[in-house]
PDB file of N, CA and C in Angstrom:
ATOM      1  N   MET A   1      -4.025  43.182-109.411  1.00  0.00           N
ATOM      2  CA  MET A   1      -3.738  44.551-109.276  1.00  0.00           C
ATOM      3  C   MET A   1      -4.502  45.342-109.905  1.00  0.00           C
ATOM      4  N   LYS A   2      -4.750  46.447-109.397  1.00  0.00           N
ATOM      5  CA  LYS A   2      -5.679  47.043-109.969  1.00  0.00           C
ATOM      6  C   LYS A   2      -5.546  48.070-111.048  1.00  0.00           C
ATOM      7  N   LYS A   3      -5.704  48.407-112.174  1.00  0.00           N
ATOM      8  CA  LYS A   3      -6.066  49.031-113.467  1.00  0.00           C
ATOM      9  C   LYS A   3      -5.718  50.750-113.057  1.00  0.00           C
ATOM     10  N   GLN A   4      -5.067  51.626-113.128  1.00  0.00           N
ATOM     11  CA  GLN A   4      -5.399  52.802-112.823  1.00  0.00           C
ATOM     12  C   GLN A   4      -6.009  53.137-113.720  1.00  0.00           C
ATOM     13  N   LYS A   5      -7.176  53.945-113.517  1.00  0.00           N
ATOM     14  CA  LYS A   5      -8.187  55.047-113.916  1.00  0.00           C
ATOM     15  C   LYS A   5      -7.888  55.965-115.197  1.00  0.00           C
ATOM     16  N   GLN A   6      -8.197  56.117-116.611  1.00  0.00           N
ATOM     17  CA  GLN A   6      -7.514  56.988-117.024  1.00  0.00           C
ATOM     18  C   GLN A   6      -8.204  58.539-117.333  1.00  0.00           C
ATOM     19  N   LEU A   7      -7.153  59.237-117.635  1.00  0.00           N
ATOM     20  CA  LEU A   7      -7.439  60.764-117.195  1.00  0.00           C
ATOM     21  C   LEU A   7      -8.495  61.277-118.182  1.00  0.00           C
ATOM     22  N   MET A   8      -9.377  62.163-117.904  1.00  0.00           N
ATOM     23  CA  MET A   8     -10.134  62.675-119.078  1.00  0.00           C
ATOM     24  C   MET A   8     -10.688  64.345-119.037  1.00  0.00           C
ATOM     25  N   THR A   9     -10.534  64.827-120.044  1.00  0.00           N
ATOM     26  CA  THR A   9     -10.732  65.739-120.320  1.00  0.00           C
ATOM     27  C   THR A   9     -11.621  66.679-121.141  1.00  0.00           C
ATOM     28  N   GLN A  10     -11.900  68.005-121.098  1.00  0.00           N
ATOM     29  CA  GLN A  10     -13.018  68.495-121.832  1.00  0.00           C
ATOM     30  C   GLN A  10     -12.857  69.824-121.549  1.00  0.00           C
ATOM     31  N   PHE A  11     -13.174  70.949-122.668  1.00  0.00           N
ATOM     32  CA  PHE A  11     -13.665  72.165-122.463  1.00  0.00           C
ATOM     33  C   PHE A  11     -14.927  72.420-122.171  1.00  0.00           C
ATOM     34  N   ILE A  12     -14.911  73.798-121.097  1.00  0.00           N
ATOM     35  CA  ILE A  12     -16.472  73.586-120.752  1.00  0.00           C
ATOM     36  C   ILE A  12     -17.773  74.059-122.089  1.00  0.00           C
ATOM     37  N   TYR A  13     -17.023  74.144-123.013  1.00  0.00           N
ATOM     38  CA  TYR A  13     -17.829  73.922-124.506  1.00  0.00           C
ATOM     39  C   TYR A  13     -18.114  72.828-125.243  1.00  0.00           C
ATOM     40  N   GLU A  14     -17.645  72.100-124.966  1.00  0.00           N
ATOM     41  CA  GLU A  14     -17.364  70.868-125.466  1.00  0.00           C
ATOM     42  C   GLU A  14     -17.784  69.650-125.241  1.00  0.00           C
ATOM     43  N   LYS A  15     -18.727  68.731-125.743  1.00  0.00           N
ATOM     44  CA  LYS A  15     -19.595  67.501-124.742  1.00  0.00           C
ATOM     45  C   LYS A  15     -19.106  66.248-125.209  1.00  0.00           C
ATOM     46  N   VAL A  16     -17.515  66.005-125.693  1.00  0.00           N
ATOM     47  CA  VAL A  16     -17.143  64.892-126.008  1.00  0.00           C
ATOM     48  C   VAL A  16     -15.877  64.724-124.752  1.00  0.00           C
ATOM     49  N   TRP A  17     -15.468  63.992-123.859  1.00  0.00           N
ATOM     50  CA  TRP A  17     -14.571  63.710-123.177  1.00  0.00           C
ATOM     51  C   TRP A  17     -13.687  62.703-123.893  1.00  0.00           C
ATOM     52  N   THR A  18     -12.195  63.322-123.625  1.00  0.00           N
ATOM     53  CA  THR A  18     -10.886  62.774-124.681  1.00  0.00           C
ATOM     54  C   THR A  18     -10.135  62.557-123.189  1.00  0.00           C
ATOM     55  N   LYS A  19      -9.291  61.495-123.603  1.00  0.00           N
ATOM     56  CA  LYS A  19      -7.941  60.942-122.779  1.00  0.00           C
ATOM     57  C   LYS A  19      -7.239  61.590-123.074  1.00  0.00           C
ATOM     58  N   VAL A  20      -6.512  61.863-122.013  1.00  0.00           N
ATOM     59  CA  VAL A  20      -5.119  62.923-121.863  1.00  0.00           C
ATOM     60  C   VAL A  20      -4.325  62.118-121.190  1.00  0.00           C
ATOM     61  N   SER A  21      -2.917  62.714-121.068  1.00  0.00           N
ATOM     62  CA  SER A  21      -2.175  62.157-120.790  1.00  0.00           C
ATOM     63  C   SER A  21      -1.666  63.265-119.614  1.00  0.00           C
ATOM     64  N   ASP A  22      -0.702  62.232-118.327  1.00  0.00           N
ATOM     65  CA  ASP A  22      -0.416  63.251-117.077  1.00  0.00           C
ATOM     66  C   ASP A  22       0.279  64.314-117.474  1.00  0.00           C
ATOM     67  N   GLN A  23       0.944  64.255-118.965  1.00  0.00           N
ATOM     68  CA  GLN A  23       2.032  65.268-118.976  1.00  0.00           C
ATOM     69  C   GLN A  23       0.815  66.403-119.937  1.00  0.00           C
ATOM     70  N   GLU A  24       0.334  66.086-120.787  1.00  0.00           N
ATOM     71  CA  GLU A  24      -0.664  66.918-120.938  1.00  0.00           C
ATOM     72  C   GLU A  24      -1.819  68.115-120.213  1.00  0.00           C
ATOM     73  N   ALA A  25      -2.384  66.892-119.245  1.00  0.00           N
ATOM     74  CA  ALA A  25      -2.965  67.276-118.148  1.00  0.00           C
ATOM     75  C   ALA A  25      -2.468  68.875-117.644  1.00  0.00           C
ATOM     76  N   ILE A  26      -0.854  68.342-117.062  1.00  0.00           N
ATOM     77  CA  ILE A  26      -0.456  69.104-116.055  1.00  0.00           C
ATOM     78  C   ILE A  26      -0.197  70.652-117.050  1.00  0.00           C
ATOM     79  N   ARG A  27       0.345  70.503-118.893  1.00  0.00           N
ATOM     80  CA  ARG A  27       0.358  71.556-119.728  1.00  0.00           C
ATOM     81  C   ARG A  27      -0.733  72.365-119.448  1.00  0.00           C
ATOM     82  N   LEU A  28      -2.265  71.531-119.387  1.00  0.00           N
ATOM     83  CA  LEU A  28      -3.568  72.592-119.872  1.00  0.00           C
ATOM     84  C   LEU A  28      -3.954  73.104-118.674  1.00  0.00           C
ATOM     85  N   ILE A  29      -3.401  72.594-116.982  1.00  0.00           N
ATOM     86  CA  ILE A  29      -3.873  72.715-115.998  1.00  0.00           C
ATOM     87  C   ILE A  29      -2.744  74.246-115.967  1.00  0.00           C
ATOM     88  N   ASP A  30      -1.533  74.139-116.131  1.00  0.00           N
ATOM     89  CA  ASP A  30      -0.555  75.383-116.144  1.00  0.00           C
ATOM     90  C   ASP A  30      -1.077  76.361-116.919  1.00  0.00           C
ATOM     91  N   ASP A  31      -1.453  76.399-118.312  1.00  0.00           N
ATOM     92  CA  ASP A  31      -2.205  77.256-119.258  1.00  0.00           C
ATOM     93  C   ASP A  31      -3.557  77.654-118.537  1.00  0.00           C
ATOM     94  N   GLU A  32      -4.377  76.869-117.836  1.00  0.00           N
ATOM     95  CA  GLU A  32      -5.607  77.680-117.303  1.00  0.00           C
ATOM     96  C   GLU A  32      -5.207  78.698-115.940  1.00  0.00           C
ATOM     97  N   MET A  33      -4.431  77.885-115.014  1.00  0.00           N
ATOM     98  CA  MET A  33      -3.871  78.948-113.619  1.00  0.00           C
ATOM     99  C   MET A  33      -3.005  79.705-114.183  1.00  0.00           C
ATOM    100  N   LYS A  34      -2.104  79.726-114.747  1.00  0.00           N
ATOM    101  CA  LYS A  34      -1.029  80.857-114.966  1.00  0.00           C
ATOM    102  C   LYS A  34       0.000  80.698-113.794  1.00  0.00           C
ATOM    103  N   MET A  35      -0.260  80.820-112.364  1.00  0.00           N
ATOM    104  CA  MET A  35       0.614  80.622-111.361  1.00  0.00           C
ATOM    105  C   MET A  35       0.682  79.932-110.596  1.00  0.00           C
ATOM    106  N   GLY A  36       0.014  78.752-110.912  1.00  0.00           N
ATOM    107  CA  GLY A  36      -0.399  77.545-109.988  1.00  0.00           C
ATOM    108  C   GLY A  36       0.335  76.144-110.406  1.00  0.00           C
ATOM    109  N   ASP A  37       0.293  75.321-109.191  1.00  0.00           N
ATOM    110  CA  ASP A  37       1.088  74.050-109.390  1.00  0.00           C
ATOM    111  C   ASP A  37       0.655  72.642-110.360  1.00  0.00           C
ATOM    112  N   GLY A  38       0.867  72.891-111.424  1.00  0.00           N
ATOM    113  CA  GLY A  38       0.562  71.602-112.178  1.00  0.00           C
ATOM    114  C   GLY A  38       0.482  70.677-111.590  1.00  0.00           C
ATOM    115  N   LYS A  39       1.428  69.999-111.572  1.00  0.00           N
ATOM    116  CA  LYS A  39       1.557  68.505-110.783  1.00  0.00           C
ATOM    117  C   LYS A  39       1.074  68.258-109.411  1.00  0.00           C
ATOM    118  N   GLY A  40       0.976  69.396-108.523  1.00  0.00           N
ATOM    119  CA  GLY A  40       0.650  69.157-107.335  1.00  0.00           C
ATOM    120  C   GLY A  40      -1.390  69.290-107.531  1.00  0.00           C
ATOM    121  N   THR A  41      -1.888  70.228-108.325  1.00  0.00           N
ATOM    122  CA  THR A  41      -3.108  70.063-108.787  1.00  0.00           C
ATOM    123  C   THR A  41      -3.824  68.625-109.530  1.00  0.00           C
ATOM    124  N   LEU A  42      -2.381  68.292-110.336  1.00  0.00           N
ATOM    125  CA  LEU A  42      -2.984  66.962-110.895  1.00  0.00           C
ATOM    126  C   LEU A  42      -3.283  65.845-110.051  1.00  0.00           C
ATOM    127  N   GLU A  43      -1.936  65.699-108.943  1.00  0.00           N
ATOM    128  CA  GLU A  43      -2.781  64.840-108.161  1.00  0.00           C
ATOM    129  C   GLU A  43      -4.048  65.121-106.920  1.00  0.00           C
ATOM    130  N   TYR A  44      -4.347  66.316-106.674  1.00  0.00           N
ATOM    131  CA  TYR A  44      -5.460  66.802-106.424  1.00  0.00           C
ATOM    132  C   TYR A  44      -6.898  66.100-107.199  1.00  0.00           C
ATOM    133  N   ILE A  45      -6.176  66.021-108.307  1.00  0.00           N
ATOM    134  CA  ILE A  45      -7.662  65.924-109.267  1.00  0.00           C
ATOM    135  C   ILE A  45      -7.706  64.538-109.390  1.00  0.00           C
ATOM    136  N   LYS A  46      -6.567  63.813-109.047  1.00  0.00           N
ATOM    137  CA  LYS A  46      -6.711  62.405-109.314  1.00  0.00           C
ATOM    138  C   LYS A  46      -7.278  61.738-107.959  1.00  0.00           C
ATOM    139  N   SER A  47      -6.785  62.254-106.874  1.00  0.00           N
ATOM    140  CA  SER A  47      -7.606  61.760-105.522  1.00  0.00           C
ATOM    141  C   SER A  47      -9.170  61.950-105.289  1.00  0.00           C
ATOM    142  N   THR A  48      -9.432  63.397-106.145  1.00  0.00           N
ATOM    143  CA  THR A  48     -10.933  63.440-105.848  1.00  0.00           C
ATOM    144  C   THR A  48     -11.589  62.819-107.046  1.00  0.00           C
ATOM    145  N   GLY A  49     -11.145  62.650-108.180  1.00  0.00           N
ATOM    146  CA  GLY A  49     -11.717  61.803-109.206  1.00  0.00           C
ATOM    147  C   GLY A  49     -11.831  60.737-108.857  1.00  0.00           C
ATOM    148  N   ALA A  50     -11.145  59.868-108.019  1.00  0.00           N
ATOM    149  CA  ALA A  50     -11.541  58.654-107.506  1.00  0.00           C
ATOM    150  C   ALA A  50     -12.644  58.524-107.012  1.00  0.00           C
ATOM    151  N   ASN A  51     -13.257  59.190-106.377  1.00  0.00           N
ATOM    152  CA  ASN A  51     -14.430  59.231-105.837  1.00  0.00           C
ATOM    153  C   ASN A  51     -15.749  59.988-107.308  1.00  0.00           C
ATOM    154  N   GLY A  52     -15.195  60.058-108.461  1.00  0.00           N
ATOM    155  CA  GLY A  52     -15.996  60.514-109.232  1.00  0.00           C
ATOM    156  C   GLY A  52     -16.831  61.493-109.472  1.00  0.00           C
ATOM    157  N   LYS A  53     -16.239  62.282-108.943  1.00  0.00           N
ATOM    158  CA  LYS A  53     -15.932  63.893-109.142  1.00  0.00           C
ATOM    159  C   LYS A  53     -15.102  64.747-110.406  1.00  0.00           C
ATOM    160  N   ILE A  54     -15.835  65.513-110.816  1.00  0.00           N
ATOM    161  CA  ILE A  54     -15.307  66.252-111.815  1.00  0.00           C
ATOM    162  C   ILE A  54     -14.534  67.822-111.261  1.00  0.00           C
ATOM    163  N   ILE A  55     -13.675  67.868-112.016  1.00  0.00           N
ATOM    164  CA  ILE A  55     -13.157  69.464-111.572  1.00  0.00           C
ATOM    165  C   ILE A  55     -12.992  70.316-112.398  1.00  0.00           C
ATOM    166  N   THR A  56     -13.221  71.225-112.118  1.00  0.00           N
ATOM    167  CA  THR A  56     -13.187  72.337-113.481  1.00  0.00           C
ATOM    168  C   THR A  56     -12.021  73.528-113.511  1.00  0.00           C
ATOM    169  N   ILE A  57     -11.014  73.852-114.022  1.00  0.00           N
ATOM    170  CA  ILE A  57     -10.380  74.499-113.285  1.00  0.00           C
ATOM    171  C   ILE A  57     -10.276  75.718-114.892  1.00  0.00           C
ATOM    172  N   GLY A  58     -10.746  76.597-114.776  1.00  0.00           N
ATOM    173  CA  GLY A  58     -11.091  77.880-115.442  1.00  0.00           C
ATOM    174  C   GLY A  58     -11.697  77.015-116.777  1.00  0.00           C
ATOM    175  N   GLU A  59     -11.448  77.154-118.081  1.00  0.00           N
ATOM    176  CA  GLU A  59     -12.373  76.450-118.494  1.00  0.00           C
ATOM    177  C   GLU A  59     -12.179  75.163-119.289  1.00  0.00           C
ATOM    178  N   CYS A  60     -11.517  74.409-118.311  1.00  0.00           N
ATOM    179  CA  CYS A  60     -11.516  72.996-118.955  1.00  0.00           C
ATOM    180  C   CYS A  60     -11.450  72.057-117.699  1.00  0.00           C
ATOM    181  N   ARG A  61     -12.127  70.667-118.115  1.00  0.00           N
ATOM    182  CA  ARG A  61     -12.746  70.022-117.050  1.00  0.00           C
ATOM    183  C   ARG A  61     -11.968  68.786-117.177  1.00  0.00           C
ATOM    184  N   PHE A  62     -12.200  68.163-115.346  1.00  0.00           N
ATOM    185  CA  PHE A  62     -11.076  66.877-115.924  1.00  0.00           C
ATOM    186  C   PHE A  62     -11.799  66.109-114.970  1.00  0.00           C
ATOM    187  N   LYS A  63     -11.457  64.776-115.072  1.00  0.00           N
ATOM    188  CA  LYS A  63     -12.372  63.362-114.505  1.00  0.00           C
ATOM    189  C   LYS A  63     -11.245  61.986-114.526  1.00  0.00           C
ATOM    190  N   LEU A  64     -11.842  61.253-113.810  1.00  0.00           N
ATOM    191  CA  LEU A  64     -11.301  59.582-114.450  1.00  0.00           C
ATOM    192  C   LEU A  64     -12.355  58.879-114.838  1.00  0.00           C
ATOM    193  N   GLU A  65     -11.724  58.212-116.023  1.00  0.00           N
ATOM    194  CA  GLU A  65     -12.689  57.486-116.638  1.00  0.00           C
ATOM    195  C   GLU A  65     -13.359  56.714-115.606  1.00  0.00           C
ATOM    196  N   GLY A  66     -14.237  56.251-116.516  1.00  0.00           N
ATOM    197  CA  GLY A  66     -15.752  55.163-115.487  1.00  0.00           C
ATOM    198  C   GLY A  66     -16.621  55.732-115.052  1.00  0.00           C
TER     199      GLY A  66
END
C-alpha cells in the first residue's frame, strides 16, 4: 500500500517548509480565503500537489512532501 505524502506549508516570506495536519491546513485556508471552502480547497491542493505543483492561497503556499 502506498503511503500518503505529507502536506507541507510555508508563508511567502518564509524559506522553510513545515509539515501541517489536514485540520491545520483547513484553518490556514479559511484564514486566507475568508469566505472560501477550506475542505474543498484542501482536496484540490492534494490532487494538484500529487503532480508536484505548489498552490498559493493569499500569503500561504501548500505542497505535498517529496
